[in-house]
Amino acid sequence: DARDFSPVHLGKYFGARFGVPVVIEDVERFGRGVSRMTWFITYRREAGDGAGESERLVIRIDPPAGSVEPTALDQEYFMYERLGRTDVPVAKALWWQDAGEWTDRPFYVREAVEGSWNVPDFLTDDSQFDEWRISISKEHMRALAKIHNVDWKGLGFDQYLAAPATPEECGANYARAALAQY
């Protein structure tokens, strides 16, 4: 439903959510990707904490016809919310919104992280950027290591996701979970 992301509707929604009047300054749909719809919302609270300062949030929602992503939106939210409790560098999930009064389908809101996936000069053959590429690659590896060191059972991933009982059951467990999606 187009009303979900009109500035007027979003102003009312965020105003109700924050408990203060909100002015929507910009609504931008992220054009890359097809798995889910991603909207960047720039807003300003007119009263209370942060009044007058522009802030940005992200809304993630499945397209009206459904997502091509093999994981459910609520599962994505769960993972962001749980990883946000750790030192893994991730945009923190702020809240889940069920379909109903404000929208015709559920969505979630998370922090906006400024930057780009497209790292300048990373793919160039120019050797002057070798140290830069190595530095970025090492940072990426450190972030991946943090993910692999997460206490996934302590965060409840085994309660929400299809977790195998033993390492030997990983392949069969994955196949069952993938087939259950369809």
N, C-alpha and C. Protein backbone atom coordinates (compact mmCIF):
# COMPACT_ATOMS: atom_id res chain seq x y z
N ASP A 1 0.85 -1.17 0.00
CA ASP A 1 0.00 0.00 0.00
C ASP A 1 0.90 1.23 0.00
N ALA A 2 0.75 2.09 -0.98
CA ALA A 2 1.62 3.26 -1.14
C ALA A 2 1.53 4.21 0.04
N ARG A 3 0.40 4.24 0.74
CA ARG A 3 0.25 5.17 1.86
C ARG A 3 1.27 4.87 2.96
N ASP A 4 1.74 3.63 3.00
CA ASP A 4 2.66 3.24 4.07
C ASP A 4 3.91 4.11 4.11
N PHE A 5 4.36 4.56 2.96
CA PHE A 5 5.63 5.26 2.93
C PHE A 5 5.52 6.67 2.37
N SER A 6 4.33 7.24 2.41
CA SER A 6 4.21 8.65 2.06
C SER A 6 4.73 9.46 3.24
N PRO A 7 5.32 10.62 2.98
CA PRO A 7 5.82 11.44 4.10
C PRO A 7 4.74 11.77 5.13
N VAL A 8 3.54 12.04 4.70
CA VAL A 8 2.47 12.38 5.64
C VAL A 8 2.17 11.19 6.55
N HIS A 9 2.01 10.01 5.95
CA HIS A 9 1.70 8.82 6.75
C HIS A 9 2.86 8.48 7.69
N LEU A 10 4.08 8.54 7.17
CA LEU A 10 5.24 8.23 8.01
C LEU A 10 5.40 9.25 9.14
N GLY A 11 5.09 10.50 8.88
CA GLY A 11 5.15 11.51 9.94
C GLY A 11 4.20 11.18 11.08
N LYS A 12 2.98 10.76 10.72
CA LYS A 12 2.01 10.35 11.75
C LYS A 12 2.48 9.09 12.48
N TYR A 13 3.01 8.13 11.72
CA TYR A 13 3.48 6.87 12.32
C TYR A 13 4.61 7.13 13.31
N PHE A 14 5.67 7.82 12.86
CA PHE A 14 6.80 8.07 13.74
C PHE A 14 6.41 9.00 14.89
N GLY A 15 5.52 9.95 14.64
CA GLY A 15 5.03 10.80 15.71
C GLY A 15 4.34 9.99 16.80
N ALA A 16 3.50 9.04 16.39
CA ALA A 16 2.84 8.16 17.36
C ALA A 16 3.86 7.28 18.07
N ARG A 17 4.83 6.79 17.33
CA ARG A 17 5.85 5.90 17.90
C ARG A 17 6.74 6.63 18.91
N PHE A 18 7.15 7.85 18.59
CA PHE A 18 8.05 8.61 19.46
C PHE A 18 7.31 9.46 20.49
N GLY A 19 6.01 9.67 20.27
CA GLY A 19 5.24 10.47 21.22
C GLY A 19 5.45 11.97 21.10
N VAL A 20 6.03 12.40 19.98
CA VAL A 20 6.23 13.83 19.71
C VAL A 20 5.98 14.07 18.23
N PRO A 21 5.62 15.30 17.84
CA PRO A 21 5.44 15.56 16.41
C PRO A 21 6.74 15.32 15.64
N VAL A 22 6.60 14.75 14.44
CA VAL A 22 7.74 14.42 13.60
C VAL A 22 7.51 14.96 12.19
N VAL A 23 8.53 15.56 11.62
CA VAL A 23 8.49 16.02 10.24
C VAL A 23 9.37 15.08 9.42
N ILE A 24 8.81 14.52 8.36
CA ILE A 24 9.59 13.67 7.47
C ILE A 24 10.26 14.58 6.45
N GLU A 25 11.58 14.52 6.40
CA GLU A 25 12.33 15.37 5.48
C GLU A 25 12.61 14.67 4.15
N ASP A 26 12.76 13.35 4.18
CA ASP A 26 13.07 12.62 2.95
C ASP A 26 12.68 11.16 3.11
N VAL A 27 12.15 10.59 2.04
CA VAL A 27 11.84 9.16 1.96
C VAL A 27 12.51 8.67 0.69
N GLU A 28 13.47 7.79 0.83
CA GLU A 28 14.25 7.32 -0.31
C GLU A 28 14.23 5.80 -0.36
N ARG A 29 13.80 5.26 -1.47
CA ARG A 29 13.83 3.81 -1.65
C ARG A 29 15.18 3.41 -2.20
N PHE A 30 15.79 2.41 -1.57
CA PHE A 30 17.07 1.89 -2.03
C PHE A 30 16.81 1.05 -3.26
N GLY A 31 17.46 1.39 -4.36
CA GLY A 31 17.18 0.77 -5.65
C GLY A 31 17.87 -0.55 -5.92
N ARG A 32 18.94 -0.87 -5.19
CA ARG A 32 19.65 -2.12 -5.44
C ARG A 32 18.95 -3.28 -4.75
N GLY A 33 19.11 -4.45 -5.31
CA GLY A 33 18.60 -5.67 -4.68
C GLY A 33 17.14 -5.91 -4.97
N VAL A 34 16.75 -7.15 -4.80
CA VAL A 34 15.36 -7.53 -5.05
C VAL A 34 14.78 -8.35 -3.91
N SER A 35 15.57 -8.67 -2.91
CA SER A 35 15.09 -9.56 -1.85
C SER A 35 13.99 -8.92 -1.02
N ARG A 36 14.19 -7.67 -0.65
CA ARG A 36 13.23 -6.94 0.18
C ARG A 36 13.28 -5.47 -0.22
N MET A 37 12.24 -4.76 0.15
CA MET A 37 12.22 -3.32 -0.08
C MET A 37 12.90 -2.64 1.10
N THR A 38 13.77 -1.69 0.80
CA THR A 38 14.49 -0.95 1.84
C THR A 38 14.24 0.53 1.61
N TRP A 39 13.81 1.20 2.67
CA TRP A 39 13.50 2.62 2.61
C TRP A 39 14.34 3.36 3.64
N PHE A 40 14.97 4.46 3.22
CA PHE A 40 15.71 5.34 4.12
C PHE A 40 14.80 6.51 4.46
N ILE A 41 14.58 6.73 5.74
CA ILE A 41 13.69 7.78 6.20
C ILE A 41 14.52 8.81 6.97
N THR A 42 14.52 10.05 6.50
CA THR A 42 15.17 11.14 7.21
C THR A 42 14.05 11.96 7.85
N TYR A 43 14.17 12.17 9.15
CA TYR A 43 13.10 12.85 9.88
C TYR A 43 13.69 13.78 10.94
N ARG A 44 12.81 14.60 11.49
CA ARG A 44 13.19 15.53 12.54
C ARG A 44 12.08 15.56 13.58
N ARG A 45 12.45 15.35 14.83
CA ARG A 45 11.48 15.48 15.93
C ARG A 45 11.29 16.97 16.22
N GLU A 46 10.05 17.35 16.44
CA GLU A 46 9.78 18.77 16.70
C GLU A 46 9.75 19.11 18.19
N ALA A 47 9.93 18.11 19.04
CA ALA A 47 9.96 18.32 20.48
C ALA A 47 10.72 17.15 21.12
N GLY A 48 11.08 17.33 22.37
CA GLY A 48 11.73 16.25 23.12
C GLY A 48 13.19 16.08 22.76
N ASP A 49 13.77 14.93 23.16
CA ASP A 49 15.18 14.63 22.90
C ASP A 49 15.46 14.67 21.41
N GLY A 50 16.51 15.36 21.04
CA GLY A 50 16.92 15.42 19.64
C GLY A 50 16.09 16.36 18.79
N ALA A 51 15.26 17.19 19.40
CA ALA A 51 14.40 18.10 18.64
C ALA A 51 15.24 18.97 17.71
N GLY A 52 14.80 19.08 16.47
CA GLY A 52 15.44 19.95 15.49
C GLY A 52 16.58 19.30 14.73
N GLU A 53 17.06 18.16 15.18
CA GLU A 53 18.17 17.48 14.50
C GLU A 53 17.63 16.45 13.52
N SER A 54 18.20 16.40 12.32
CA SER A 54 17.81 15.37 11.35
C SER A 54 18.37 14.03 11.79
N GLU A 55 17.54 13.00 11.68
CA GLU A 55 17.94 11.63 12.01
C GLU A 55 17.53 10.74 10.86
N ARG A 56 18.16 9.57 10.78
CA ARG A 56 17.82 8.62 9.71
C ARG A 56 17.55 7.25 10.29
N LEU A 57 16.56 6.60 9.71
CA LEU A 57 16.24 5.21 10.04
C LEU A 57 16.02 4.45 8.74
N VAL A 58 15.99 3.14 8.85
CA VAL A 58 15.76 2.27 7.71
C VAL A 58 14.54 1.41 7.99
N ILE A 59 13.68 1.27 7.00
CA ILE A 59 12.54 0.36 7.07
C ILE A 59 12.80 -0.77 6.09
N ARG A 60 12.62 -2.01 6.56
CA ARG A 60 12.73 -3.18 5.69
C ARG A 60 11.36 -3.85 5.66
N ILE A 61 10.88 -4.15 4.44
CA ILE A 61 9.56 -4.73 4.26
C ILE A 61 9.59 -5.62 3.02
N ASP A 62 8.81 -6.69 3.04
CA ASP A 62 8.71 -7.53 1.85
C ASP A 62 7.86 -6.82 0.80
N PRO A 63 8.17 -7.04 -0.48
CA PRO A 63 7.32 -6.48 -1.54
C PRO A 63 5.89 -7.04 -1.43
N PRO A 64 4.93 -6.36 -2.02
CA PRO A 64 3.54 -6.83 -1.95
C PRO A 64 3.35 -8.27 -2.42
N ALA A 65 4.10 -8.70 -3.42
CA ALA A 65 3.96 -10.06 -3.93
C ALA A 65 4.77 -11.07 -3.14
N GLY A 66 5.50 -10.64 -2.15
CA GLY A 66 6.34 -11.52 -1.35
C GLY A 66 7.80 -11.39 -1.75
N SER A 67 8.64 -11.95 -0.93
CA SER A 67 10.08 -11.84 -1.14
C SER A 67 10.63 -13.05 -1.87
N VAL A 68 11.72 -12.84 -2.60
CA VAL A 68 12.43 -13.96 -3.21
C VAL A 68 13.47 -14.51 -2.24
N GLU A 69 13.63 -13.83 -1.12
CA GLU A 69 14.57 -14.26 -0.08
C GLU A 69 14.05 -15.53 0.59
N PRO A 70 14.90 -16.55 0.77
CA PRO A 70 14.41 -17.79 1.37
C PRO A 70 14.22 -17.73 2.88
N THR A 71 14.49 -16.59 3.50
CA THR A 71 14.24 -16.45 4.93
C THR A 71 13.12 -15.43 5.13
N ALA A 72 12.34 -15.65 6.16
CA ALA A 72 11.22 -14.77 6.46
C ALA A 72 11.73 -13.44 7.02
N LEU A 73 10.96 -12.38 6.82
CA LEU A 73 11.33 -11.06 7.31
C LEU A 73 11.48 -11.06 8.83
N ASP A 74 10.59 -11.75 9.53
CA ASP A 74 10.72 -11.77 10.99
C ASP A 74 11.99 -12.50 11.43
N GLN A 75 12.46 -13.44 10.63
CA GLN A 75 13.72 -14.11 10.93
C GLN A 75 14.90 -13.14 10.73
N GLU A 76 14.84 -12.34 9.67
CA GLU A 76 15.88 -11.32 9.45
C GLU A 76 15.90 -10.34 10.62
N TYR A 77 14.72 -9.88 11.03
CA TYR A 77 14.64 -8.98 12.17
C TYR A 77 15.24 -9.62 13.42
N PHE A 78 14.89 -10.86 13.69
CA PHE A 78 15.40 -11.58 14.85
C PHE A 78 16.92 -11.59 14.84
N MET A 79 17.51 -11.89 13.68
CA MET A 79 18.97 -11.96 13.60
C MET A 79 19.62 -10.60 13.84
N TYR A 80 19.06 -9.55 13.23
CA TYR A 80 19.59 -8.20 13.47
C TYR A 80 19.43 -7.81 14.95
N GLU A 81 18.28 -8.10 15.51
CA GLU A 81 18.02 -7.73 16.90
C GLU A 81 19.00 -8.45 17.83
N ARG A 82 19.19 -9.73 17.62
CA ARG A 82 20.10 -10.50 18.49
C ARG A 82 21.55 -10.11 18.27
N LEU A 83 21.98 -9.95 17.03
CA LEU A 83 23.37 -9.56 16.77
C LEU A 83 23.65 -8.15 17.29
N GLY A 84 22.61 -7.31 17.36
CA GLY A 84 22.76 -5.97 17.91
C GLY A 84 23.09 -5.97 19.39
N ARG A 85 22.93 -7.09 20.05
CA ARG A 85 23.28 -7.23 21.47
C ARG A 85 24.75 -7.57 21.65
N THR A 86 25.47 -7.77 20.57
CA THR A 86 26.86 -8.21 20.61
C THR A 86 27.78 -7.12 20.09
N ASP A 87 29.06 -7.46 19.96
CA ASP A 87 30.01 -6.50 19.39
C ASP A 87 30.15 -6.67 17.87
N VAL A 88 29.29 -7.46 17.26
CA VAL A 88 29.28 -7.60 15.80
C VAL A 88 28.83 -6.27 15.21
N PRO A 89 29.58 -5.73 14.24
CA PRO A 89 29.18 -4.45 13.65
C PRO A 89 27.95 -4.62 12.74
N VAL A 90 26.80 -4.29 13.28
CA VAL A 90 25.54 -4.46 12.56
C VAL A 90 24.62 -3.29 12.89
N ALA A 91 23.79 -2.92 11.93
CA ALA A 91 22.78 -1.89 12.20
C ALA A 91 21.77 -2.47 13.19
N LYS A 92 21.60 -1.82 14.32
CA LYS A 92 20.72 -2.36 15.35
C LYS A 92 19.25 -2.28 14.92
N ALA A 93 18.56 -3.40 15.10
CA ALA A 93 17.12 -3.44 14.86
C ALA A 93 16.44 -2.73 16.03
N LEU A 94 15.53 -1.81 15.72
CA LEU A 94 14.90 -1.00 16.76
C LEU A 94 13.53 -1.51 17.17
N TRP A 95 12.69 -1.90 16.20
CA TRP A 95 11.40 -2.47 16.55
C TRP A 95 10.76 -3.16 15.34
N TRP A 96 9.82 -4.03 15.66
CA TRP A 96 9.02 -4.77 14.69
C TRP A 96 7.64 -4.15 14.66
N GLN A 97 7.07 -4.00 13.47
CA GLN A 97 5.72 -3.45 13.32
C GLN A 97 4.85 -4.47 12.60
N ASP A 98 3.84 -4.98 13.29
CA ASP A 98 2.90 -5.91 12.65
C ASP A 98 1.99 -5.17 11.69
N ALA A 99 1.43 -5.90 10.74
CA ALA A 99 0.41 -5.34 9.85
C ALA A 99 -0.78 -4.93 10.70
N GLY A 100 -1.50 -3.94 10.22
CA GLY A 100 -2.67 -3.50 10.97
C GLY A 100 -2.96 -2.04 10.71
N GLU A 101 -3.02 -1.27 11.78
CA GLU A 101 -3.40 0.14 11.69
C GLU A 101 -2.47 0.96 10.79
N TRP A 102 -1.18 0.69 10.83
CA TRP A 102 -0.22 1.54 10.14
C TRP A 102 0.23 1.02 8.78
N THR A 103 0.04 -0.25 8.52
CA THR A 103 0.57 -0.85 7.30
C THR A 103 -0.22 -2.09 6.92
N ASP A 104 -0.18 -2.42 5.64
CA ASP A 104 -0.89 -3.62 5.19
C ASP A 104 -0.03 -4.88 5.30
N ARG A 105 1.25 -4.73 5.60
CA ARG A 105 2.13 -5.89 5.81
C ARG A 105 3.21 -5.50 6.82
N PRO A 106 3.73 -6.47 7.55
CA PRO A 106 4.69 -6.15 8.60
C PRO A 106 6.01 -5.62 8.05
N PHE A 107 6.71 -4.88 8.89
CA PHE A 107 8.04 -4.38 8.56
C PHE A 107 8.82 -4.22 9.86
N TYR A 108 10.11 -3.94 9.72
CA TYR A 108 10.87 -3.57 10.90
C TYR A 108 11.70 -2.34 10.61
N VAL A 109 12.09 -1.68 11.70
CA VAL A 109 12.87 -0.45 11.63
C VAL A 109 14.22 -0.72 12.28
N ARG A 110 15.27 -0.25 11.62
CA ARG A 110 16.61 -0.39 12.18
C ARG A 110 17.38 0.91 12.00
N GLU A 111 18.49 1.00 12.68
CA GLU A 111 19.36 2.15 12.55
C GLU A 111 19.87 2.24 11.11
N ALA A 112 20.14 3.46 10.69
CA ALA A 112 20.80 3.65 9.40
C ALA A 112 22.30 3.74 9.66
N VAL A 113 23.07 3.09 8.83
CA VAL A 113 24.52 3.16 8.91
C VAL A 113 24.98 3.87 7.66
N GLU A 114 25.62 5.00 7.85
CA GLU A 114 26.08 5.78 6.71
C GLU A 114 27.25 5.08 6.04
N GLY A 115 27.33 5.21 4.75
CA GLY A 115 28.43 4.60 4.01
C GLY A 115 27.90 3.90 2.77
N SER A 116 28.76 3.12 2.17
CA SER A 116 28.40 2.44 0.93
C SER A 116 29.02 1.05 0.90
N TRP A 117 28.35 0.15 0.26
CA TRP A 117 28.90 -1.20 0.05
C TRP A 117 30.01 -1.13 -1.00
N ASN A 118 29.99 -0.09 -1.82
CA ASN A 118 30.93 0.06 -2.93
C ASN A 118 32.15 0.84 -2.44
N VAL A 119 33.20 0.13 -2.05
CA VAL A 119 34.39 0.76 -1.49
C VAL A 119 35.23 1.35 -2.62
N PRO A 120 35.49 2.65 -2.58
CA PRO A 120 36.27 3.29 -3.64
C PRO A 120 37.65 2.64 -3.80
N ASP A 121 38.03 2.42 -5.02
CA ASP A 121 39.36 1.92 -5.39
C ASP A 121 39.64 0.49 -4.94
N PHE A 122 38.65 -0.22 -4.42
CA PHE A 122 38.89 -1.59 -3.97
C PHE A 122 39.14 -2.54 -5.14
N LEU A 123 38.44 -2.35 -6.23
CA LEU A 123 38.55 -3.27 -7.36
C LEU A 123 39.54 -2.82 -8.44
N THR A 124 40.20 -1.71 -8.22
CA THR A 124 41.15 -1.23 -9.21
C THR A 124 42.42 -2.09 -9.20
N ASP A 125 43.11 -2.13 -10.33
CA ASP A 125 44.37 -2.87 -10.41
C ASP A 125 45.56 -2.01 -9.99
N ASP A 126 45.32 -0.77 -9.68
CA ASP A 126 46.40 0.16 -9.35
C ASP A 126 47.05 -0.25 -8.02
N SER A 127 48.35 -0.51 -8.04
CA SER A 127 49.07 -0.99 -6.86
C SER A 127 49.15 0.04 -5.74
N GLN A 128 48.90 1.31 -6.05
CA GLN A 128 48.93 2.32 -4.98
C GLN A 128 47.84 2.09 -3.94
N PHE A 129 46.83 1.27 -4.29
CA PHE A 129 45.74 0.98 -3.36
C PHE A 129 45.88 -0.38 -2.68
N ASP A 130 47.00 -1.06 -2.87
CA ASP A 130 47.20 -2.39 -2.30
C ASP A 130 47.06 -2.38 -0.77
N GLU A 131 47.74 -1.46 -0.11
CA GLU A 131 47.66 -1.42 1.36
C GLU A 131 46.24 -1.12 1.82
N TRP A 132 45.57 -0.24 1.11
CA TRP A 132 44.17 0.11 1.40
C TRP A 132 43.28 -1.14 1.29
N ARG A 133 43.43 -1.91 0.21
CA ARG A 133 42.63 -3.12 0.01
C ARG A 133 42.93 -4.15 1.10
N ILE A 134 44.19 -4.31 1.45
CA ILE A 134 44.56 -5.26 2.50
C ILE A 134 43.95 -4.83 3.84
N SER A 135 44.01 -3.54 4.13
CA SER A 135 43.43 -3.02 5.37
C SER A 135 41.93 -3.28 5.43
N ILE A 136 41.23 -3.01 4.35
CA ILE A 136 39.78 -3.26 4.29
C ILE A 136 39.49 -4.75 4.44
N SER A 137 40.27 -5.57 3.77
CA SER A 137 40.07 -7.02 3.86
C SER A 137 40.28 -7.53 5.28
N LYS A 138 41.29 -7.01 5.96
CA LYS A 138 41.53 -7.41 7.35
C LYS A 138 40.38 -6.98 8.25
N GLU A 139 39.86 -5.78 8.03
CA GLU A 139 38.71 -5.32 8.81
C GLU A 139 37.51 -6.23 8.58
N HIS A 140 37.31 -6.62 7.34
CA HIS A 140 36.22 -7.54 7.00
C HIS A 140 36.41 -8.88 7.71
N MET A 141 37.62 -9.40 7.71
CA MET A 141 37.90 -10.67 8.38
C MET A 141 37.67 -10.58 9.89
N ARG A 142 38.04 -9.44 10.49
CA ARG A 142 37.79 -9.26 11.93
C ARG A 142 36.28 -9.28 12.22
N ALA A 143 35.50 -8.64 11.36
CA ALA A 143 34.05 -8.64 11.55
C ALA A 143 33.48 -10.05 11.40
N LEU A 144 33.96 -10.80 10.40
CA LEU A 144 33.51 -12.18 10.23
C LEU A 144 33.89 -13.04 11.44
N ALA A 145 35.07 -12.81 11.98
CA ALA A 145 35.50 -13.56 13.17
C ALA A 145 34.55 -13.29 14.33
N LYS A 146 34.12 -12.04 14.48
CA LYS A 146 33.17 -11.72 15.55
C LYS A 146 31.87 -12.50 15.37
N ILE A 147 31.40 -12.59 14.14
CA ILE A 147 30.17 -13.36 13.88
C ILE A 147 30.37 -14.81 14.27
N HIS A 148 31.51 -15.38 13.89
CA HIS A 148 31.77 -16.80 14.17
C HIS A 148 32.02 -17.07 15.65
N ASN A 149 32.34 -16.02 16.42
CA ASN A 149 32.56 -16.20 17.85
C ASN A 149 31.32 -15.89 18.69
N VAL A 150 30.23 -15.53 18.07
CA VAL A 150 29.00 -15.22 18.80
C VAL A 150 28.50 -16.48 19.51
N ASP A 151 28.02 -16.29 20.72
CA ASP A 151 27.39 -17.39 21.46
C ASP A 151 25.97 -17.55 20.93
N TRP A 152 25.84 -18.29 19.82
CA TRP A 152 24.56 -18.37 19.13
C TRP A 152 23.48 -19.04 19.98
N LYS A 153 23.85 -19.96 20.82
CA LYS A 153 22.84 -20.57 21.71
C LYS A 153 22.44 -19.58 22.81
N GLY A 154 23.42 -18.82 23.32
CA GLY A 154 23.12 -17.82 24.34
C GLY A 154 22.19 -16.73 23.82
N LEU A 155 22.26 -16.45 22.52
CA LEU A 155 21.38 -15.45 21.91
C LEU A 155 20.04 -16.04 21.47
N GLY A 156 19.88 -17.35 21.60
CA GLY A 156 18.61 -17.98 21.27
C GLY A 156 18.44 -18.36 19.81
N PHE A 157 19.52 -18.34 19.04
CA PHE A 157 19.40 -18.72 17.63
C PHE A 157 18.93 -20.16 17.48
N ASP A 158 19.35 -21.03 18.38
CA ASP A 158 18.93 -22.43 18.30
C ASP A 158 17.45 -22.62 18.60
N GLN A 159 16.83 -21.66 19.28
CA GLN A 159 15.40 -21.73 19.57
C GLN A 159 14.55 -21.21 18.41
N TYR A 160 15.13 -20.32 17.61
CA TYR A 160 14.37 -19.67 16.55
C TYR A 160 14.66 -20.26 15.17
N LEU A 161 15.89 -20.71 14.98
CA LEU A 161 16.30 -21.26 13.70
C LEU A 161 16.39 -22.79 13.80
N ALA A 162 16.36 -23.43 12.66
CA ALA A 162 16.47 -24.89 12.64
C ALA A 162 17.93 -25.28 12.89
N ALA A 163 18.25 -25.56 14.14
CA ALA A 163 19.63 -25.91 14.50
C ALA A 163 19.77 -27.42 14.63
N PRO A 164 20.81 -27.98 14.06
CA PRO A 164 21.01 -29.43 14.17
C PRO A 164 21.40 -29.83 15.58
N ALA A 165 21.06 -31.04 15.96
CA ALA A 165 21.40 -31.53 17.29
C ALA A 165 22.89 -31.84 17.39
N THR A 166 23.49 -32.26 16.29
CA THR A 166 24.92 -32.59 16.28
C THR A 166 25.54 -32.05 14.99
N PRO A 167 26.86 -31.89 14.97
CA PRO A 167 27.52 -31.45 13.73
C PRO A 167 27.26 -32.40 12.56
N GLU A 168 27.13 -33.67 12.83
CA GLU A 168 26.91 -34.64 11.76
C GLU A 168 25.55 -34.45 11.08
N GLU A 169 24.63 -33.83 11.75
CA GLU A 169 23.29 -33.62 11.19
C GLU A 169 23.14 -32.31 10.42
N CYS A 170 24.23 -31.55 10.28
CA CYS A 170 24.15 -30.24 9.64
C CYS A 170 23.58 -30.30 8.22
N GLY A 171 24.10 -31.18 7.38
CA GLY A 171 23.65 -31.25 5.99
C GLY A 171 22.18 -31.59 5.87
N ALA A 172 21.76 -32.64 6.56
CA ALA A 172 20.35 -33.06 6.51
C ALA A 172 19.45 -31.98 7.11
N ASN A 173 19.90 -31.36 8.18
CA ASN A 173 19.13 -30.30 8.83
C ASN A 173 18.93 -29.12 7.88
N TYR A 174 20.00 -28.75 7.18
CA TYR A 174 19.92 -27.64 6.22
C TYR A 174 18.94 -27.98 5.09
N ALA A 175 19.02 -29.20 4.57
CA ALA A 175 18.13 -29.60 3.49
C ALA A 175 16.66 -29.55 3.95
N ARG A 176 16.38 -30.06 5.17
CA ARG A 176 15.00 -30.02 5.70
C ARG A 176 14.51 -28.58 5.83
N ALA A 177 15.36 -27.70 6.36
CA ALA A 177 14.97 -26.30 6.55
C ALA A 177 14.73 -25.63 5.20
N ALA A 178 15.59 -25.90 4.21
CA ALA A 178 15.42 -25.29 2.89
C ALA A 178 14.13 -25.78 2.23
N LEU A 179 13.86 -27.08 2.31
CA LEU A 179 12.64 -27.62 1.70
C LEU A 179 11.38 -27.11 2.41
N ALA A 180 11.48 -26.86 3.70
CA ALA A 180 10.32 -26.36 4.46
C ALA A 180 9.93 -24.95 4.02
N GLN A 181 10.87 -24.21 3.43
CA GLN A 181 10.57 -22.85 2.96
C GLN A 181 9.61 -22.87 1.78
N TYR A 182 9.55 -23.99 1.07
CA TYR A 182 8.76 -24.05 -0.15
C TYR A 182 7.68 -25.02 -0.04
